[in-house]
Amino acid sequence: MVDPKSVPRYTFNDGNTVPFVGLGTWQSQPDGSVYRAVRHALASGYRHLDCAFIYQNQDEIGRAITDSIKEGVLTREELFVTSKIWLTHYSKERVEICAKKILSDLQLTQIDLLLLHWPFTFKQQDDNLFPVDSDGSVIGGDVGFVEAYKALEELQKQGLVKSIGVSNFNISQLTRLMENTSVKPVTNQVELHPYLVQKELKEFCNKNGIVLTAYSPLGNPGSAVNTAADKDKLLKDPVVNKLATKYGKNAGQILIKFQVASGNLVIPKSVTNERIESNIQIFDFDLTPEEVAELSALDRNYRSCSFDITSKLPEYPFKN
């Protein structure tokens, strides 16, 4: 177990703080495995969980949180929980409905950080979270992200949410958001790893006091979008493994440490006890500035989470 107090915290632009490393829960199945993963993570020293409405596993996460608190593993005050509003719930009324469902599932009275999951929207409806037309094309919504974000601002005023932010926004979208809303997002959660450094986005967010949160920091080796040739490529990279050998760590630990050393929050996902433990055991060594630069130089604009089904929507963020 890692002492939770040994995990450094980042101070957001609104003054709230968050542990640099959290447990990601994307693709963690609600068949008991995500319950066990969260329980083990909290027992292993994690105090930051990343969740989302679309992951459809928050009720199990909520039970794990409640049981851990009941057993004295941690207090609610020690825990930082992030969740995300889904694209079918971006109108003002539906943002609130989604947020209250998240609170209910997680068995919480307040969410520490609530994000807009993507800058585009889907048709606003309840019966299908991925609405498609007869030819299989996703049906976009007529609500913009500014309206949805203003609804987050209202939830923050009501005290249901402590901090608010976004995910998968590009520079143009962040600029428009800040020009048309009152509360600056505390974070932009995006895919980040040495093969996708996002230098311009990082510089823009730094300049505006918005921290990046890295999802898929290992290059998403388990993703169905990765070809056989791409699978585990980053974990097998010679530069990464040279550093792993030097520091007596595994490749995953080097990649997670790279994010922290770059000033980014990071949320590696796992349901395997051994990996959950090792992913947070990264605070007993430091990468040198030269090593961080060497890892950054691996950048090849390789994106594993491109969500191609939405690429024809007007606010798709990854257009070249």
C-alpha atoms as a PDB file:
ATOM      1  CA  MET A   1       0.000   0.000   0.000  1.00  0.00           C
ATOM      2  CA  VAL A   2       1.061   3.559  -0.764  1.00  0.00           C
ATOM      3  CA  ASP A   3       0.509   6.132   1.968  1.00  0.00           C
ATOM      4  CA  PRO A   4      -2.197   8.403   0.480  1.00  0.00           C
ATOM      5  CA  LYS A   5      -0.400  11.394   1.997  1.00  0.00           C
ATOM      6  CA  SER A   6       2.672  10.587  -0.132  1.00  0.00           C
ATOM      7  CA  VAL A   7       0.701  11.156  -3.355  1.00  0.00           C
ATOM      8  CA  PRO A   8       1.148  14.830  -4.327  1.00  0.00           C
ATOM      9  CA  ARG A   9      -1.913  16.960  -4.978  1.00  0.00           C
ATOM     10  CA  TYR A  10      -2.542  19.559  -7.663  1.00  0.00           C
ATOM     11  CA  THR A  11      -4.348  22.818  -6.858  1.00  0.00           C
ATOM     12  CA  PHE A  12      -6.951  23.723  -9.496  1.00  0.00           C
ATOM     13  CA  ASN A  13      -7.550  27.289 -10.648  1.00  0.00           C
ATOM     14  CA  ASP A  14     -10.583  27.396  -8.296  1.00  0.00           C
ATOM     15  CA  GLY A  15      -8.501  26.445  -5.238  1.00  0.00           C
ATOM     16  CA  ASN A  16      -9.727  22.850  -4.889  1.00  0.00           C
ATOM     17  CA  THR A  17      -7.079  20.116  -4.804  1.00  0.00           C
ATOM     18  CA  VAL A  18      -6.842  16.661  -6.378  1.00  0.00           C
ATOM     19  CA  PRO A  19      -4.345  13.768  -6.113  1.00  0.00           C
ATOM     20  CA  PHE A  20      -2.135  13.606  -9.212  1.00  0.00           C
ATOM     21  CA  VAL A  21      -2.896   9.904  -9.804  1.00  0.00           C
ATOM     22  CA  GLY A  22      -6.379   8.414  -9.925  1.00  0.00           C
ATOM     23  CA  LEU A  23      -8.012   5.136 -10.915  1.00  0.00           C
ATOM     24  CA  GLY A  24      -9.703   5.201 -14.311  1.00  0.00           C
ATOM     25  CA  THR A  25     -12.869   3.086 -14.617  1.00  0.00           C
ATOM     26  CA  TRP A  26     -13.518   3.160 -18.382  1.00  0.00           C
ATOM     27  CA  GLN A  27     -14.207  -0.344 -19.771  1.00  0.00           C
ATOM     28  CA  SER A  28     -14.330  -1.736 -16.208  1.00  0.00           C
ATOM     29  CA  GLN A  29     -17.294  -4.102 -16.240  1.00  0.00           C
ATOM     30  CA  PRO A  30     -20.133  -3.867 -13.675  1.00  0.00           C
ATOM     31  CA  ASP A  31     -19.990  -7.628 -13.087  1.00  0.00           C
ATOM     32  CA  GLY A  32     -18.269  -7.345  -9.731  1.00  0.00           C
ATOM     33  CA  SER A  33     -14.881  -6.542 -11.250  1.00  0.00           C
ATOM     34  CA  VAL A  34     -15.186  -2.747 -10.975  1.00  0.00           C
ATOM     35  CA  TYR A  35     -16.434  -3.094  -7.368  1.00  0.00           C
ATOM     36  CA  ARG A  36     -13.391  -5.194  -6.497  1.00  0.00           C
ATOM     37  CA  ALA A  37     -11.049  -2.854  -8.401  1.00  0.00           C
ATOM     38  CA  VAL A  38     -12.270   0.257  -6.575  1.00  0.00           C
ATOM     39  CA  ARG A  39     -12.181  -1.509  -3.213  1.00  0.00           C
ATOM     40  CA  HIS A  40      -8.611  -2.631  -3.850  1.00  0.00           C
ATOM     41  CA  ALA A  41      -7.558   0.779  -5.155  1.00  0.00           C
ATOM     42  CA  LEU A  42      -8.875   2.563  -2.069  1.00  0.00           C
ATOM     43  CA  ALA A  43      -7.188  -0.001   0.190  1.00  0.00           C
ATOM     44  CA  SER A  44      -3.956   0.505  -1.794  1.00  0.00           C
ATOM     45  CA  GLY A  45      -3.840   4.265  -1.220  1.00  0.00           C
ATOM     46  CA  TYR A  46      -5.800   5.739  -4.139  1.00  0.00           C
ATOM     47  CA  ARG A  47      -7.901   8.752  -3.213  1.00  0.00           C
ATOM     48  CA  HIS A  48      -8.967   9.828  -6.713  1.00  0.00           C
ATOM     49  CA  LEU A  49     -11.515   7.977  -8.882  1.00  0.00           C
ATOM     50  CA  ASP A  50     -12.465   8.856 -12.464  1.00  0.00           C
ATOM     51  CA  CYS A  51     -15.973   7.822 -13.504  1.00  0.00           C
ATOM     52  CA  ALA A  52     -18.578   8.675 -16.161  1.00  0.00           C
ATOM     53  CA  PHE A  53     -22.290   8.274 -16.807  1.00  0.00           C
ATOM     54  CA  ILE A  54     -21.620   6.392 -20.064  1.00  0.00           C
ATOM     55  CA  TYR A  55     -19.417   3.771 -18.395  1.00  0.00           C
ATOM     56  CA  GLN A  56     -22.611   2.300 -16.905  1.00  0.00           C
ATOM     57  CA  ASN A  57     -20.803   1.049 -13.797  1.00  0.00           C
ATOM     58  CA  GLN A  58     -21.239   3.882 -11.312  1.00  0.00           C
ATOM     59  CA  ASP A  59     -23.713   2.057  -9.067  1.00  0.00           C
ATOM     60  CA  GLU A  60     -21.055  -0.590  -8.419  1.00  0.00           C
ATOM     61  CA  ILE A  61     -18.444   2.110  -7.819  1.00  0.00           C
ATOM     62  CA  GLY A  62     -20.844   3.788  -5.410  1.00  0.00           C
ATOM     63  CA  ARG A  63     -21.230   0.589  -3.407  1.00  0.00           C
ATOM     64  CA  ALA A  64     -17.450   0.182  -3.278  1.00  0.00           C
ATOM     65  CA  ILE A  65     -17.020   3.745  -2.004  1.00  0.00           C
ATOM     66  CA  THR A  66     -19.763   3.364   0.608  1.00  0.00           C
ATOM     67  CA  ASP A  67     -18.458   0.017   1.868  1.00  0.00           C
ATOM     68  CA  SER A  68     -14.885   1.329   2.067  1.00  0.00           C
ATOM     69  CA  ILE A  69     -15.987   4.370   4.072  1.00  0.00           C
ATOM     70  CA  LYS A  70     -18.131   2.214   6.379  1.00  0.00           C
ATOM     71  CA  GLU A  71     -15.142  -0.032   7.077  1.00  0.00           C
ATOM     72  CA  GLY A  72     -12.925   2.939   7.925  1.00  0.00           C
ATOM     73  CA  VAL A  73     -10.577   2.621   4.937  1.00  0.00           C
ATOM     74  CA  LEU A  74     -11.021   6.344   4.281  1.00  0.00           C
ATOM     75  CA  THR A  75     -13.377   9.249   4.885  1.00  0.00           C
ATOM     76  CA  ARG A  76     -15.481  10.944   2.227  1.00  0.00           C
ATOM     77  CA  GLU A  77     -13.415  14.099   2.727  1.00  0.00           C
ATOM     78  CA  GLU A  78     -10.241  12.239   1.688  1.00  0.00           C
ATOM     79  CA  LEU A  79     -11.760  11.032  -1.590  1.00  0.00           C
ATOM     80  CA  PHE A  80     -11.865  12.931  -4.900  1.00  0.00           C
ATOM     81  CA  VAL A  81     -14.470  11.692  -7.398  1.00  0.00           C
ATOM     82  CA  THR A  82     -14.758  12.836 -11.019  1.00  0.00           C
ATOM     83  CA  SER A  83     -17.663  12.033 -13.322  1.00  0.00           C
ATOM     84  CA  LYS A  84     -18.828  13.145 -16.759  1.00  0.00           C
ATOM     85  CA  ILE A  85     -22.103  14.224 -18.357  1.00  0.00           C
ATOM     86  CA  TRP A  86     -23.034  12.151 -21.414  1.00  0.00           C
ATOM     87  CA  LEU A  87     -23.865  13.550 -24.849  1.00  0.00           C
ATOM     88  CA  THR A  88     -27.577  12.712 -24.718  1.00  0.00           C
ATOM     89  CA  HIS A  89     -27.866  14.968 -21.646  1.00  0.00           C
ATOM     90  CA  TYR A  90     -26.487  18.372 -22.726  1.00  0.00           C
ATOM     91  CA  SER A  91     -29.627  20.540 -22.501  1.00  0.00           C
ATOM     92  CA  LYS A  92     -29.920  22.537 -19.276  1.00  0.00           C
ATOM     93  CA  GLU A  93     -32.620  20.288 -17.813  1.00  0.00           C
ATOM     94  CA  ARG A  94     -30.955  17.061 -18.884  1.00  0.00           C
ATOM     95  CA  VAL A  95     -27.539  18.030 -17.481  1.00  0.00           C
ATOM     96  CA  GLU A  96     -29.200  18.290 -14.067  1.00  0.00           C
ATOM     97  CA  ILE A  97     -31.015  14.968 -14.538  1.00  0.00           C
ATOM     98  CA  CYS A  98     -27.740  13.280 -15.500  1.00  0.00           C
ATOM     99  CA  ALA A  99     -25.854  14.835 -12.574  1.00  0.00           C
ATOM    100  CA  LYS A 100     -28.491  13.715 -10.062  1.00  0.00           C
ATOM    101  CA  LYS A 101     -28.420  10.184 -11.490  1.00  0.00           C
ATOM    102  CA  ILE A 102     -24.615  10.200 -11.103  1.00  0.00           C
ATOM    103  CA  LEU A 103     -24.926  11.351  -7.484  1.00  0.00           C
ATOM    104  CA  SER A 104     -27.531   8.674  -6.782  1.00  0.00           C
ATOM    105  CA  ASP A 105     -25.484   5.873  -8.365  1.00  0.00           C
ATOM    106  CA  LEU A 106     -22.276   6.930  -6.606  1.00  0.00           C
ATOM    107  CA  GLN A 107     -24.176   7.376  -3.300  1.00  0.00           C
ATOM    108  CA  LEU A 108     -22.747  10.882  -2.913  1.00  0.00           C
ATOM    109  CA  THR A 109     -24.242  14.274  -2.063  1.00  0.00           C
ATOM    110  CA  GLN A 110     -21.596  16.197  -4.020  1.00  0.00           C
ATOM    111  CA  ILE A 111     -19.355  15.447  -7.006  1.00  0.00           C
ATOM    112  CA  ASP A 112     -15.808  16.780  -6.653  1.00  0.00           C
ATOM    113  CA  LEU A 113     -15.390  17.347 -10.403  1.00  0.00           C
ATOM    114  CA  LEU A 114     -17.989  17.136 -13.172  1.00  0.00           C
ATOM    115  CA  LEU A 115     -16.935  17.280 -16.831  1.00  0.00           C
ATOM    116  CA  LEU A 116     -18.582  17.542 -20.228  1.00  0.00           C
ATOM    117  CA  HIS A 117     -17.438  14.275 -21.812  1.00  0.00           C
ATOM    118  CA  TRP A 118     -17.060  15.590 -25.403  1.00  0.00           C
ATOM    119  CA  PRO A 119     -17.570  18.939 -27.165  1.00  0.00           C
ATOM    120  CA  PHE A 120     -20.270  17.591 -29.524  1.00  0.00           C
ATOM    121  CA  THR A 121     -23.744  16.353 -28.577  1.00  0.00           C
ATOM    122  CA  PHE A 122     -26.128  13.566 -29.508  1.00  0.00           C
ATOM    123  CA  LYS A 123     -29.904  13.665 -29.930  1.00  0.00           C
ATOM    124  CA  GLN A 124     -31.308  14.444 -26.480  1.00  0.00           C
ATOM    125  CA  GLN A 125     -33.119  11.277 -25.428  1.00  0.00           C
ATOM    126  CA  ASP A 126     -33.264   8.594 -22.745  1.00  0.00           C
ATOM    127  CA  ASP A 127     -33.820   5.292 -24.523  1.00  0.00           C
ATOM    128  CA  ASN A 128     -30.537   5.110 -26.446  1.00  0.00           C
ATOM    129  CA  LEU A 129     -27.186   6.554 -25.371  1.00  0.00           C
ATOM    130  CA  PHE A 130     -25.849   6.123 -28.946  1.00  0.00           C
ATOM    131  CA  PRO A 131     -28.709   7.287 -31.206  1.00  0.00           C
ATOM    132  CA  VAL A 132     -28.176   6.332 -34.861  1.00  0.00           C
ATOM    133  CA  ASP A 133     -30.253   6.739 -38.012  1.00  0.00           C
ATOM    134  CA  SER A 134     -31.239   4.040 -40.512  1.00  0.00           C
ATOM    135  CA  ASP A 135     -27.808   3.981 -42.177  1.00  0.00           C
ATOM    136  CA  GLY A 136     -25.988   3.654 -38.862  1.00  0.00           C
ATOM    137  CA  SER A 137     -24.792   7.255 -38.655  1.00  0.00           C
ATOM    138  CA  VAL A 138     -24.845   8.819 -35.201  1.00  0.00           C
ATOM    139  CA  ILE A 139     -27.550  11.464 -34.739  1.00  0.00           C
ATOM    140  CA  GLY A 140     -26.105  14.738 -33.493  1.00  0.00           C
ATOM    141  CA  GLY A 141     -27.922  17.043 -31.109  1.00  0.00           C
ATOM    142  CA  ASP A 142     -29.045  20.643 -31.511  1.00  0.00           C
ATOM    143  CA  VAL A 143     -27.658  21.703 -28.117  1.00  0.00           C
ATOM    144  CA  GLY A 144     -24.203  23.284 -27.929  1.00  0.00           C
ATOM    145  CA  PHE A 145     -21.498  22.724 -25.336  1.00  0.00           C
ATOM    146  CA  VAL A 146     -21.850  26.307 -24.067  1.00  0.00           C
ATOM    147  CA  GLU A 147     -25.421  25.632 -22.901  1.00  0.00           C
ATOM    148  CA  ALA A 148     -24.322  22.392 -21.272  1.00  0.00           C
ATOM    149  CA  TYR A 149     -21.406  24.072 -19.509  1.00  0.00           C
ATOM    150  CA  LYS A 150     -23.640  26.873 -18.215  1.00  0.00           C
ATOM    151  CA  ALA A 151     -25.773  24.129 -16.666  1.00  0.00           C
ATOM    152  CA  LEU A 152     -22.623  22.851 -14.910  1.00  0.00           C
ATOM    153  CA  GLU A 153     -22.078  26.371 -13.584  1.00  0.00           C
ATOM    154  CA  GLU A 154     -25.594  26.286 -12.113  1.00  0.00           C
ATOM    155  CA  LEU A 155     -24.946  22.915 -10.449  1.00  0.00           C
ATOM    156  CA  GLN A 156     -21.785  24.385  -8.958  1.00  0.00           C
ATOM    157  CA  LYS A 157     -23.779  27.321  -7.548  1.00  0.00           C
ATOM    158  CA  GLN A 158     -26.234  24.829  -6.025  1.00  0.00           C
ATOM    159  CA  GLY A 159     -23.380  22.994  -4.304  1.00  0.00           C
ATOM    160  CA  LEU A 160     -23.955  19.692  -6.115  1.00  0.00           C
ATOM    161  CA  VAL A 161     -20.541  20.015  -7.778  1.00  0.00           C
ATOM    162  CA  LYS A 162     -17.277  21.452  -6.415  1.00  0.00           C
ATOM    163  CA  SER A 163     -15.273  21.910  -9.636  1.00  0.00           C
ATOM    164  CA  ILE A 164     -16.238  21.816 -13.318  1.00  0.00           C
ATOM    165  CA  GLY A 165     -14.310  21.100 -16.491  1.00  0.00           C
ATOM    166  CA  VAL A 166     -14.279  19.436 -19.892  1.00  0.00           C
ATOM    167  CA  SER A 167     -12.872  16.468 -21.773  1.00  0.00           C
ATOM    168  CA  ASN A 168     -11.631  16.067 -25.359  1.00  0.00           C
ATOM    169  CA  PHE A 169     -11.858  19.800 -26.199  1.00  0.00           C
ATOM    170  CA  ASN A 170      -9.467  21.361 -28.712  1.00  0.00           C
ATOM    171  CA  ILE A 171      -7.981  24.871 -28.478  1.00  0.00           C
ATOM    172  CA  SER A 172     -10.701  26.510 -30.582  1.00  0.00           C
ATOM    173  CA  GLN A 173     -13.442  24.928 -28.483  1.00  0.00           C
ATOM    174  CA  LEU A 174     -11.782  25.918 -25.201  1.00  0.00           C
ATOM    175  CA  THR A 175     -11.434  29.478 -26.487  1.00  0.00           C
ATOM    176  CA  ARG A 176     -15.129  29.712 -27.413  1.00  0.00           C
ATOM    177  CA  LEU A 177     -16.117  28.130 -24.108  1.00  0.00           C
ATOM    178  CA  MET A 178     -14.159  30.652 -22.056  1.00  0.00           C
ATOM    179  CA  GLU A 179     -15.469  33.577 -24.138  1.00  0.00           C
ATOM    180  CA  ASN A 180     -19.087  32.591 -23.481  1.00  0.00           C
ATOM    181  CA  THR A 181     -19.133  31.316 -19.889  1.00  0.00           C
ATOM    182  CA  SER A 182     -18.211  32.631 -16.447  1.00  0.00           C
ATOM    183  CA  VAL A 183     -16.282  29.808 -14.756  1.00  0.00           C
ATOM    184  CA  LYS A 184     -12.990  28.686 -16.271  1.00  0.00           C
ATOM    185  CA  PRO A 185     -12.710  24.877 -16.568  1.00  0.00           C
ATOM    186  CA  VAL A 186     -10.236  23.444 -14.066  1.00  0.00           C
ATOM    187  CA  THR A 187      -9.140  20.645 -16.389  1.00  0.00           C
ATOM    188  CA  ASN A 188      -9.347  19.287 -19.920  1.00  0.00           C
ATOM    189  CA  GLN A 189      -9.201  15.488 -19.816  1.00  0.00           C
ATOM    190  CA  VAL A 190      -7.593  14.143 -22.999  1.00  0.00           C
ATOM    191  CA  GLU A 191      -5.587  11.218 -24.337  1.00  0.00           C
ATOM    192  CA  LEU A 192      -1.916  11.758 -23.487  1.00  0.00           C
ATOM    193  CA  HIS A 193       1.190   9.577 -23.710  1.00  0.00           C
ATOM    194  CA  PRO A 194       4.650   9.876 -25.332  1.00  0.00           C
ATOM    195  CA  TYR A 195       3.191   9.035 -28.754  1.00  0.00           C
ATOM    196  CA  LEU A 196       0.558  11.806 -28.338  1.00  0.00           C
ATOM    197  CA  VAL A 197       2.103  14.680 -26.379  1.00  0.00           C
ATOM    198  CA  GLN A 198      -0.329  17.414 -27.597  1.00  0.00           C
ATOM    199  CA  LYS A 199       2.285  20.159 -27.168  1.00  0.00           C
ATOM    200  CA  GLU A 200       0.175  23.073 -28.484  1.00  0.00           C
ATOM    201  CA  LEU A 201      -2.848  22.097 -26.400  1.00  0.00           C
ATOM    202  CA  LYS A 202      -0.621  21.740 -23.335  1.00  0.00           C
ATOM    203  CA  GLU A 203       0.890  25.201 -23.872  1.00  0.00           C
ATOM    204  CA  PHE A 204      -2.545  26.774 -24.365  1.00  0.00           C
ATOM    205  CA  CYS A 205      -3.948  25.153 -21.228  1.00  0.00           C
ATOM    206  CA  ASN A 206      -0.876  26.115 -19.183  1.00  0.00           C
ATOM    207  CA  LYS A 207      -1.271  29.726 -20.300  1.00  0.00           C
ATOM    208  CA  ASN A 208      -4.917  29.680 -19.202  1.00  0.00           C
ATOM    209  CA  GLY A 209      -4.483  27.877 -15.887  1.00  0.00           C
ATOM    210  CA  ILE A 210      -6.191  24.677 -17.062  1.00  0.00           C
ATOM    211  CA  VAL A 211      -4.463  21.429 -16.112  1.00  0.00           C
ATOM    212  CA  LEU A 212      -4.533  18.473 -18.504  1.00  0.00           C
ATOM    213  CA  THR A 213      -5.703  15.110 -17.193  1.00  0.00           C
ATOM    214  CA  ALA A 214      -4.221  12.165 -19.098  1.00  0.00           C
ATOM    215  CA  TYR A 215      -6.415   9.229 -20.011  1.00  0.00           C
ATOM    216  CA  SER A 216      -4.946   6.183 -21.774  1.00  0.00           C
ATOM    217  CA  PRO A 217      -1.432   7.057 -20.505  1.00  0.00           C
ATOM    218  CA  LEU A 218      -0.164   3.620 -21.593  1.00  0.00           C
ATOM    219  CA  GLY A 219      -1.402   4.119 -25.159  1.00  0.00           C
ATOM    220  CA  ASN A 220      -4.592   2.116 -24.564  1.00  0.00           C
ATOM    221  CA  PRO A 221      -3.077  -1.321 -25.324  1.00  0.00           C
ATOM    222  CA  GLY A 222      -6.371  -3.140 -24.723  1.00  0.00           C
ATOM    223  CA  SER A 223      -8.415  -1.028 -27.120  1.00  0.00           C
ATOM    224  CA  ALA A 224     -10.218  -2.673 -30.008  1.00  0.00           C
ATOM    225  CA  VAL A 225      -9.114   0.193 -32.270  1.00  0.00           C
ATOM    226  CA  ASN A 226      -5.473  -0.758 -31.880  1.00  0.00           C
ATOM    227  CA  THR A 227      -4.210  -3.097 -34.582  1.00  0.00           C
ATOM    228  CA  ALA A 228      -2.145  -6.146 -33.683  1.00  0.00           C
ATOM    229  CA  ALA A 229       0.942  -4.192 -34.743  1.00  0.00           C
ATOM    230  CA  ASP A 230       0.061  -1.297 -32.426  1.00  0.00           C
ATOM    231  CA  LYS A 231      -0.906  -3.419 -29.432  1.00  0.00           C
ATOM    232  CA  ASP A 232       1.515  -2.871 -26.536  1.00  0.00           C
ATOM    233  CA  LYS A 233       3.840  -0.886 -28.864  1.00  0.00           C
ATOM    234  CA  LEU A 234       4.321   1.954 -26.387  1.00  0.00           C
ATOM    235  CA  LEU A 235       4.866  -0.475 -23.508  1.00  0.00           C
ATOM    236  CA  LYS A 236       7.601  -2.127 -25.588  1.00  0.00           C
ATOM    237  CA  ASP A 237       9.248   1.099 -26.739  1.00  0.00           C
ATOM    238  CA  PRO A 238      13.057   0.942 -26.241  1.00  0.00           C
ATOM    239  CA  VAL A 239      13.265   4.400 -24.646  1.00  0.00           C
ATOM    240  CA  VAL A 240      10.520   3.549 -22.145  1.00  0.00           C
ATOM    241  CA  ASN A 241      12.113   0.222 -21.282  1.00  0.00           C
ATOM    242  CA  LYS A 242      15.601   1.688 -20.960  1.00  0.00           C
ATOM    243  CA  LEU A 243      14.228   3.977 -18.244  1.00  0.00           C
ATOM    244  CA  ALA A 244      12.285   1.128 -16.641  1.00  0.00           C
ATOM    245  CA  THR A 245      15.519  -0.852 -16.316  1.00  0.00           C
ATOM    246  CA  LYS A 246      17.401   2.152 -14.948  1.00  0.00           C
ATOM    247  CA  TYR A 247      14.851   2.811 -12.192  1.00  0.00           C
ATOM    248  CA  GLY A 248      13.828  -0.776 -11.460  1.00  0.00           C
ATOM    249  CA  LYS A 249      10.248  -0.083 -12.559  1.00  0.00           C
ATOM    250  CA  ASN A 250       7.931  -1.485 -15.215  1.00  0.00           C
ATOM    251  CA  ALA A 251       7.116   0.320 -18.468  1.00  0.00           C
ATOM    252  CA  GLY A 252       3.659   1.309 -17.249  1.00  0.00           C
ATOM    253  CA  GLN A 253       5.114   3.022 -14.193  1.00  0.00           C
ATOM    254  CA  ILE A 254       7.502   5.033 -16.387  1.00  0.00           C
ATOM    255  CA  LEU A 255       4.604   6.154 -18.602  1.00  0.00           C
ATOM    256  CA  ILE A 256       2.471   7.198 -15.615  1.00  0.00           C
ATOM    257  CA  LYS A 257       5.412   9.006 -14.019  1.00  0.00           C
ATOM    258  CA  PHE A 258       5.993  10.803 -17.330  1.00  0.00           C
ATOM    259  CA  GLN A 259       2.573  12.439 -17.008  1.00  0.00           C
ATOM    260  CA  VAL A 260       3.160  13.563 -13.425  1.00  0.00           C
ATOM    261  CA  ALA A 261       6.639  14.849 -14.354  1.00  0.00           C
ATOM    262  CA  SER A 262       5.000  16.796 -17.200  1.00  0.00           C
ATOM    263  CA  GLY A 263       2.610  18.446 -14.738  1.00  0.00           C
ATOM    264  CA  ASN A 264      -0.456  16.473 -15.841  1.00  0.00           C
ATOM    265  CA  LEU A 265      -2.972  14.574 -13.740  1.00  0.00           C
ATOM    266  CA  VAL A 266      -3.198  10.926 -14.795  1.00  0.00           C
ATOM    267  CA  ILE A 267      -5.898   8.245 -14.494  1.00  0.00           C
ATOM    268  CA  PRO A 268      -4.599   4.798 -15.528  1.00  0.00           C
ATOM    269  CA  LYS A 269      -7.330   2.166 -15.601  1.00  0.00           C
ATOM    270  CA  SER A 270      -7.043  -1.420 -14.417  1.00  0.00           C
ATOM    271  CA  VAL A 271      -9.096  -4.120 -12.712  1.00  0.00           C
ATOM    272  CA  THR A 272      -6.009  -6.228 -11.936  1.00  0.00           C
ATOM    273  CA  ASN A 273      -4.841  -5.958  -8.318  1.00  0.00           C
ATOM    274  CA  GLU A 274      -1.133  -6.103  -9.137  1.00  0.00           C
ATOM    275  CA  ARG A 275      -1.403  -3.361 -11.777  1.00  0.00           C
ATOM    276  CA  ILE A 276      -3.635  -1.201  -9.599  1.00  0.00           C
ATOM    277  CA  GLU A 277      -0.918  -1.307  -6.938  1.00  0.00           C
ATOM    278  CA  SER A 278       2.052  -0.748  -9.248  1.00  0.00           C
ATOM    279  CA  ASN A 279       0.397   2.137 -11.125  1.00  0.00           C
ATOM    280  CA  ILE A 280       0.518   4.331  -8.017  1.00  0.00           C
ATOM    281  CA  GLN A 281       3.963   3.190  -6.839  1.00  0.00           C
ATOM    282  CA  ILE A 282       5.718   5.942  -8.787  1.00  0.00           C
ATOM    283  CA  PHE A 283       6.674   8.456  -6.117  1.00  0.00           C
ATOM    284  CA  ASP A 284       9.945   6.852  -4.997  1.00  0.00           C
ATOM    285  CA  PHE A 285      11.901   8.004  -8.074  1.00  0.00           C
ATOM    286  CA  ASP A 286      12.100  11.026 -10.384  1.00  0.00           C
ATOM    287  CA  LEU A 287      12.683  11.313 -14.113  1.00  0.00           C
ATOM    288  CA  THR A 288      15.272  13.929 -15.041  1.00  0.00           C
ATOM    289  CA  PRO A 289      14.249  16.853 -17.299  1.00  0.00           C
ATOM    290  CA  GLU A 290      16.359  15.258 -20.034  1.00  0.00           C
ATOM    291  CA  GLU A 291      14.464  11.969 -19.689  1.00  0.00           C
ATOM    292  CA  VAL A 292      11.104  13.758 -19.830  1.00  0.00           C
ATOM    293  CA  ALA A 293      12.313  15.487 -23.015  1.00  0.00           C
ATOM    294  CA  GLU A 294      13.478  12.147 -24.437  1.00  0.00           C
ATOM    295  CA  LEU A 295      10.028  10.630 -23.858  1.00  0.00           C
ATOM    296  CA  SER A 296       8.312  13.717 -25.314  1.00  0.00           C
ATOM    297  CA  ALA A 297      10.455  13.355 -28.439  1.00  0.00           C
ATOM    298  CA  LEU A 298       8.681  10.042 -29.170  1.00  0.00           C
ATOM    299  CA  ASP A 299       5.589  12.057 -30.191  1.00  0.00           C
ATOM    300  CA  ARG A 300       4.046  10.840 -33.458  1.00  0.00           C
ATOM    301  CA  ASN A 301       0.485  12.203 -33.091  1.00  0.00           C
ATOM    302  CA  TYR A 302      -0.780   8.652 -32.551  1.00  0.00           C
ATOM    303  CA  ARG A 303      -4.344   8.723 -31.209  1.00  0.00           C
ATOM    304  CA  SER A 304      -5.944   5.473 -30.032  1.00  0.00           C
ATOM    305  CA  CYS A 305      -9.244   7.004 -28.841  1.00  0.00           C
ATOM    306  CA  SER A 306     -10.493   8.880 -31.885  1.00  0.00           C
ATOM    307  CA  PHE A 307     -14.223   7.970 -31.533  1.00  0.00           C
ATOM    308  CA  ASP A 308     -14.480   7.811 -35.334  1.00  0.00           C
ATOM    309  CA  ILE A 309     -18.241   7.176 -35.373  1.00  0.00           C
ATOM    310  CA  THR A 310     -18.674  10.861 -34.453  1.00  0.00           C
ATOM    311  CA  SER A 311     -16.174  12.297 -36.958  1.00  0.00           C
ATOM    312  CA  LYS A 312     -18.879  13.884 -39.150  1.00  0.00           C
ATOM    313  CA  LEU A 313     -20.381  15.911 -36.307  1.00  0.00           C
ATOM    314  CA  PRO A 314     -19.630  19.676 -36.518  1.00  0.00           C
ATOM    315  CA  GLU A 315     -17.828  19.846 -33.160  1.00  0.00           C
ATOM    316  CA  TYR A 316     -15.683  16.736 -33.680  1.00  0.00           C
ATOM    317  CA  PRO A 317     -12.428  17.910 -32.040  1.00  0.00           C
ATOM    318  CA  PHE A 318      -9.757  15.959 -33.909  1.00  0.00           C
ATOM    319  CA  LYS A 319     -10.095  17.364 -37.431  1.00  0.00           C
ATOM    320  CA  ASN A 320      -6.686  18.052 -38.943  1.00  0.00           C
END
